[in-house]
Amino acid sequence: MKKSEENWDLKIDPSVFKALKKFPEKDSEYVWKSMNILHINPYSGDTKKLKGENNWRKRIGAYRIFYEIQAKHKLVLVFHLERRGSNTY
């Protein structure tokens, strides 16, 4: 696991906020808190690097946060949020 000595900048796409509003309030609060932790260390928790570019996935229960890490600029770009259901797999 990579450690961060200082905070990263966190940018969230407007579509992520729109998706977050559709989740139950308790779940959206939990996902929101987990998303905000990304600015401390985007590599922590249940994360996985996706094939290809610099895209990562973080699992939070039934939810998935997809983001890009630009290590050179210490920037995390959250670009997608989705709920995974039993019919998704």
Foldseek 3Di string as FASTA:
>chain_A
DDADPDFAAEAEDPVAVVQLVPDPPVVSVQVVVVSVCCRRPVVDAQKDQDPDDQWMWHDDPQKIWIWGADPVRSYIYTYDIDGHDPVND
